[in-house]
Amino acid sequence: MPGGAARQERAEDPGDRDPGIRGTTWTAPSPPRKTVGRYTPLGELVKEATDRVLAAFGLIVLSPLLLALALAVRLDSRGAVLFRQPRVGCGGRLFTFYKFRGMYEDARERFPELYDYRYSSAEIQELRFHPAEDPRVTRMGKVLRRTSLDELPNLINVVLGDMSLVGPRPEIPELIPYYGAAAAEILSVKPGITSLAKLVGRDNTNFQETLELDLRYLRQRSLLYDFRILVGTVILVLTGRSIGH
């Protein structure tokens, strides 16, 4: 695999313990913007309340599926069911990100070269978050990736207030410097479980394309736009087909 395409999956290390960094702040290159898109202060409150209620409802309704997936992950390979990792949230605040583990527990020890996040300008632009062939991914991990079910535990992050249902992709600290001047805008809102980039490319977009789509979303965001992305994401998960937007 090309070096740039291989060092992916957001630095997932299935052996990581809970980093315990909730509330720690990573300093962005410049202060985040106060307002983005067309949300009013009241709209922001409505969005957050709606996010948390829907996420809590989703955790309850989907609990049988979550338990079944947890059992499948546990039986498929050794290691914790949930993968936990520091991600950068709104205002540069670090939080613990949750998803179903899709990689082998000792992936970092077996493939240390895939956890080197130093890229040239050309490499970072073509960087892909989910390379087609990744030796770290388990059999169950391939199924979870293909169906996007590995992200269901993100609902926990939404209930905790760290993430939104719709927003830019949650990023690892190591890649934030590559956002350059766009980092302040990206970090001015909560990251989301789904996004315009996911809806358009289903994780097949490269770093530059994802960044451009995230910025496009931020400059158009509204309750109606979020609703359209959510509906589109449900259709995407059920049919497996990404759409243009």
Protein backbone atom coordinates (compact mmCIF):
# COMPACT_ATOMS: atom_id res chain seq x y z
CA MET A 1 0.00 0.00 0.00
CA PRO A 2 1.20 3.55 -0.57
CA GLY A 3 2.53 5.09 2.61
CA GLY A 4 -0.03 7.89 2.67
CA ALA A 5 -3.00 5.59 2.18
CA ALA A 6 -1.86 3.04 4.72
CA ARG A 7 -1.46 5.19 7.83
CA GLN A 8 -5.18 5.57 8.38
CA GLU A 9 -8.21 4.74 10.51
CA ARG A 10 -7.67 7.88 12.55
CA ALA A 11 -4.77 6.34 14.47
CA GLU A 12 -6.99 3.62 15.85
CA ASP A 13 -5.14 1.64 18.47
CA PRO A 14 -7.44 -1.11 19.76
CA GLY A 15 -5.16 -1.57 22.74
CA ASP A 16 -5.64 1.98 23.98
CA ARG A 17 -7.13 2.38 27.42
CA ASP A 18 -9.50 5.19 28.19
CA PRO A 19 -7.15 8.17 27.86
CA GLY A 20 -9.01 10.06 30.54
CA ILE A 21 -8.54 13.39 28.80
CA ARG A 22 -12.12 14.64 28.96
CA GLY A 23 -12.00 18.42 29.20
CA THR A 24 -8.35 18.82 28.16
CA THR A 25 -7.91 21.47 25.47
CA TRP A 26 -5.80 21.27 22.35
CA THR A 27 -4.85 24.77 21.15
CA ALA A 28 -6.05 25.53 17.63
CA PRO A 29 -3.89 27.68 15.29
CA SER A 30 -6.30 30.60 15.72
CA PRO A 31 -9.44 31.34 17.77
CA PRO A 32 -12.56 29.59 16.43
CA ARG A 33 -15.25 31.68 14.81
CA LYS A 34 -18.16 32.67 17.02
CA THR A 35 -20.83 31.77 14.49
CA VAL A 36 -20.92 29.41 11.54
CA GLY A 37 -23.63 28.90 8.97
CA ARG A 38 -27.20 30.01 9.58
CA TYR A 39 -27.81 28.72 13.12
CA THR A 40 -29.08 31.30 15.60
CA PRO A 41 -28.25 30.97 19.32
CA LEU A 42 -31.72 29.49 19.80
CA GLY A 43 -31.12 27.15 16.89
CA GLU A 44 -27.91 25.92 18.50
CA LEU A 45 -29.81 25.10 21.71
CA VAL A 46 -32.52 23.31 19.75
CA LYS A 47 -29.90 21.35 17.83
CA GLU A 48 -28.07 20.24 20.98
CA ALA A 49 -31.28 19.27 22.79
CA THR A 50 -32.53 17.37 19.73
CA ASP A 51 -29.17 15.62 19.33
CA ARG A 52 -29.11 14.40 22.91
CA VAL A 53 -32.74 13.25 22.96
CA LEU A 54 -32.43 11.38 19.67
CA ALA A 55 -29.11 9.83 20.69
CA ALA A 56 -30.51 8.61 24.02
CA PHE A 57 -33.58 7.25 22.25
CA GLY A 58 -31.33 5.54 19.70
CA LEU A 59 -29.24 3.86 22.40
CA ILE A 60 -32.40 2.46 23.99
CA VAL A 61 -34.09 1.31 20.79
CA LEU A 62 -30.90 -0.12 19.30
CA SER A 63 -29.73 -1.80 22.53
CA PRO A 64 -30.44 -5.35 21.25
CA LEU A 65 -28.41 -4.65 18.11
CA LEU A 66 -25.63 -3.02 20.15
CA LEU A 67 -25.42 -6.07 22.41
CA ALA A 68 -25.36 -8.43 19.43
CA LEU A 69 -22.59 -6.44 17.75
CA ALA A 70 -20.62 -6.28 21.00
CA LEU A 71 -20.82 -10.07 21.31
CA ALA A 72 -19.75 -10.53 17.69
CA VAL A 73 -16.73 -8.25 18.16
CA ARG A 74 -15.72 -10.07 21.32
CA LEU A 75 -16.02 -13.53 19.75
CA ASP A 76 -14.23 -12.55 16.55
CA SER A 77 -10.92 -11.43 18.09
CA ARG A 78 -9.23 -10.83 21.41
CA GLY A 79 -9.54 -7.40 22.98
CA ALA A 80 -11.99 -4.83 24.27
CA VAL A 81 -15.35 -4.46 22.56
CA LEU A 82 -15.18 -0.66 22.49
CA PHE A 83 -12.34 1.30 20.98
CA ARG A 84 -11.55 4.52 22.87
CA GLN A 85 -9.34 7.33 21.61
CA PRO A 86 -8.70 11.07 22.13
CA ARG A 87 -10.36 13.25 19.50
CA VAL A 88 -10.47 17.03 19.12
CA GLY A 89 -13.88 18.60 19.68
CA CYS A 90 -15.43 22.03 19.65
CA GLY A 91 -13.00 24.79 20.62
CA GLY A 92 -10.06 22.37 20.58
CA ARG A 93 -11.38 20.46 23.61
CA LEU A 94 -10.24 16.83 23.74
CA PHE A 95 -12.75 14.12 24.49
CA THR A 96 -12.80 10.31 24.57
CA PHE A 97 -14.27 8.93 21.35
CA TYR A 98 -16.15 5.60 21.35
CA LYS A 99 -16.78 3.10 18.57
CA PHE A 100 -16.79 -0.66 18.16
CA ARG A 101 -13.27 -2.04 17.85
CA GLY A 102 -12.56 -3.03 14.27
CA MET A 103 -8.84 -3.78 14.52
CA TYR A 104 -6.66 -6.37 16.16
CA GLU A 105 -5.71 -5.58 19.74
CA ASP A 106 -1.97 -5.60 18.96
CA ALA A 107 -2.24 -3.63 15.70
CA ARG A 108 0.14 -0.90 16.87
CA GLU A 109 2.84 -3.41 17.83
CA ARG A 110 2.44 -5.40 14.59
CA PHE A 111 2.26 -2.43 12.23
CA PRO A 112 4.06 0.52 13.89
CA GLU A 113 4.78 2.12 10.51
CA LEU A 114 1.04 2.69 10.03
CA TYR A 115 0.98 5.02 13.04
CA ASP A 116 3.45 7.56 11.70
CA TYR A 117 1.47 10.73 10.96
CA ARG A 118 4.11 12.75 9.16
CA TYR A 119 3.03 13.62 5.63
CA SER A 120 4.25 15.73 2.75
CA SER A 121 1.88 18.27 1.19
CA ALA A 122 1.07 15.83 -1.62
CA GLU A 123 0.54 12.89 0.74
CA ILE A 124 -1.84 14.73 3.08
CA GLN A 125 -4.06 15.86 0.22
CA GLU A 126 -4.50 12.28 -1.03
CA LEU A 127 -4.73 10.72 2.41
CA ARG A 128 -7.67 8.31 2.71
CA PHE A 129 -9.19 7.47 6.06
CA HIS A 130 -10.24 3.91 5.19
CA PRO A 131 -7.81 2.29 2.72
CA ALA A 132 -9.24 -0.64 0.75
CA GLU A 133 -6.68 -3.07 2.18
CA ASP A 134 -5.73 -2.64 5.82
CA PRO A 135 -4.00 -5.59 7.57
CA ARG A 136 -5.07 -4.27 10.98
CA VAL A 137 -8.79 -4.80 10.37
CA THR A 138 -10.47 -7.91 11.78
CA ARG A 139 -13.10 -9.98 9.97
CA MET A 140 -15.84 -8.37 12.03
CA GLY A 141 -14.19 -5.01 11.53
CA LYS A 142 -14.65 -5.33 7.77
CA VAL A 143 -18.36 -5.97 8.25
CA LEU A 144 -18.68 -3.05 10.67
CA ARG A 145 -16.89 -0.70 8.29
CA ARG A 146 -18.93 -1.77 5.29
CA THR A 147 -22.19 -1.16 7.16
CA SER A 148 -20.99 1.82 9.28
CA LEU A 149 -22.32 0.01 12.35
CA ASP A 150 -18.98 0.48 14.11
CA GLU A 151 -20.00 4.09 14.71
CA LEU A 152 -23.17 3.36 16.69
CA PRO A 153 -21.34 3.84 20.03
CA ASN A 154 -20.78 7.44 18.89
CA LEU A 155 -24.31 7.95 20.26
CA ILE A 156 -22.69 7.84 23.72
CA ASN A 157 -20.56 10.83 22.73
CA VAL A 158 -23.65 12.72 21.60
CA VAL A 159 -25.45 12.05 24.90
CA LEU A 160 -22.35 13.25 26.77
CA GLY A 161 -22.36 16.45 24.72
CA ASP A 162 -19.02 15.86 23.00
CA MET A 163 -20.45 15.27 19.53
CA SER A 164 -23.46 16.12 17.41
CA LEU A 165 -25.46 13.86 15.11
CA VAL A 166 -24.29 15.96 12.14
CA GLY A 167 -21.02 17.85 11.94
CA PRO A 168 -17.43 17.70 10.69
CA ARG A 169 -15.58 14.43 11.18
CA PRO A 170 -14.01 14.04 14.64
CA GLU A 171 -10.25 14.33 14.17
CA ILE A 172 -7.23 12.99 16.03
CA PRO A 173 -4.83 15.63 17.45
CA GLU A 174 -2.00 14.48 15.17
CA LEU A 175 -3.83 15.54 12.00
CA ILE A 176 -5.20 18.91 13.14
CA PRO A 177 -2.01 20.82 12.16
CA TYR A 178 -2.59 19.74 8.55
CA TYR A 179 -5.90 21.65 8.52
CA GLY A 180 -3.97 24.92 8.51
CA ALA A 181 -6.14 28.04 8.64
CA ALA A 182 -9.28 25.91 8.26
CA ALA A 183 -8.77 24.37 11.71
CA ALA A 184 -10.39 27.30 13.49
CA GLU A 185 -13.57 26.96 11.44
CA ILE A 186 -13.70 23.17 11.73
CA LEU A 187 -13.24 23.35 15.51
CA SER A 188 -15.90 26.03 15.96
CA VAL A 189 -18.65 23.37 16.15
CA LYS A 190 -19.01 19.89 17.58
CA PRO A 191 -17.90 17.03 15.34
CA GLY A 192 -20.64 14.75 14.08
CA ILE A 193 -21.47 11.06 13.77
CA THR A 194 -22.34 11.70 10.15
CA SER A 195 -21.40 14.48 7.78
CA LEU A 196 -21.80 15.80 4.27
CA ALA A 197 -18.50 14.11 3.38
CA LYS A 198 -19.79 10.74 4.59
CA LEU A 199 -23.04 11.21 2.72
CA VAL A 200 -21.24 12.03 -0.52
CA GLY A 201 -18.30 9.64 -0.31
CA ARG A 202 -18.92 7.17 2.53
CA ASP A 203 -15.35 7.50 3.82
CA ASN A 204 -13.93 7.10 0.31
CA THR A 205 -13.05 10.79 0.00
CA ASN A 206 -9.46 11.85 0.57
CA PHE A 207 -8.29 14.35 3.18
CA GLN A 208 -8.61 17.39 0.92
CA GLU A 209 -12.06 16.40 -0.36
CA THR A 210 -13.30 15.72 3.16
CA LEU A 211 -12.03 19.07 4.40
CA GLU A 212 -13.71 20.92 1.54
CA LEU A 213 -17.02 19.14 2.14
CA ASP A 214 -16.84 19.83 5.88
CA LEU A 215 -16.29 23.53 5.18
CA ARG A 216 -19.13 23.53 2.69
CA TYR A 217 -21.40 22.03 5.33
CA LEU A 218 -20.36 24.59 7.95
CA ARG A 219 -21.20 27.48 5.65
CA GLN A 220 -24.68 26.11 4.89
CA ARG A 221 -25.61 24.41 8.15
CA SER A 222 -29.17 24.72 9.41
CA LEU A 223 -31.72 22.47 11.09
CA LEU A 224 -33.22 21.59 7.71
CA TYR A 225 -29.79 20.84 6.20
CA ASP A 226 -28.91 18.62 9.17
CA PHE A 227 -32.22 16.79 8.78
CA ARG A 228 -31.53 16.16 5.10
CA ILE A 229 -28.07 14.77 5.90
CA LEU A 230 -29.50 12.51 8.62
CA VAL A 231 -32.17 11.12 6.30
CA GLY A 232 -29.58 10.65 3.57
CA THR A 233 -27.29 8.82 5.99
CA VAL A 234 -30.06 6.40 7.01
CA ILE A 235 -30.71 5.66 3.33
CA LEU A 236 -26.96 5.22 2.78
CA VAL A 237 -26.62 2.72 5.64
CA LEU A 238 -29.68 0.74 4.52
CA THR A 239 -28.80 0.65 0.82
CA GLY A 240 -25.02 0.91 0.92
CA ARG A 241 -25.06 3.57 -1.77
CA SER A 242 -23.47 7.00 -1.36
CA ILE A 243 -25.07 9.95 -3.12
CA GLY A 244 -23.99 13.25 -4.60
CA HIS A 245 -25.12 16.43 -2.87
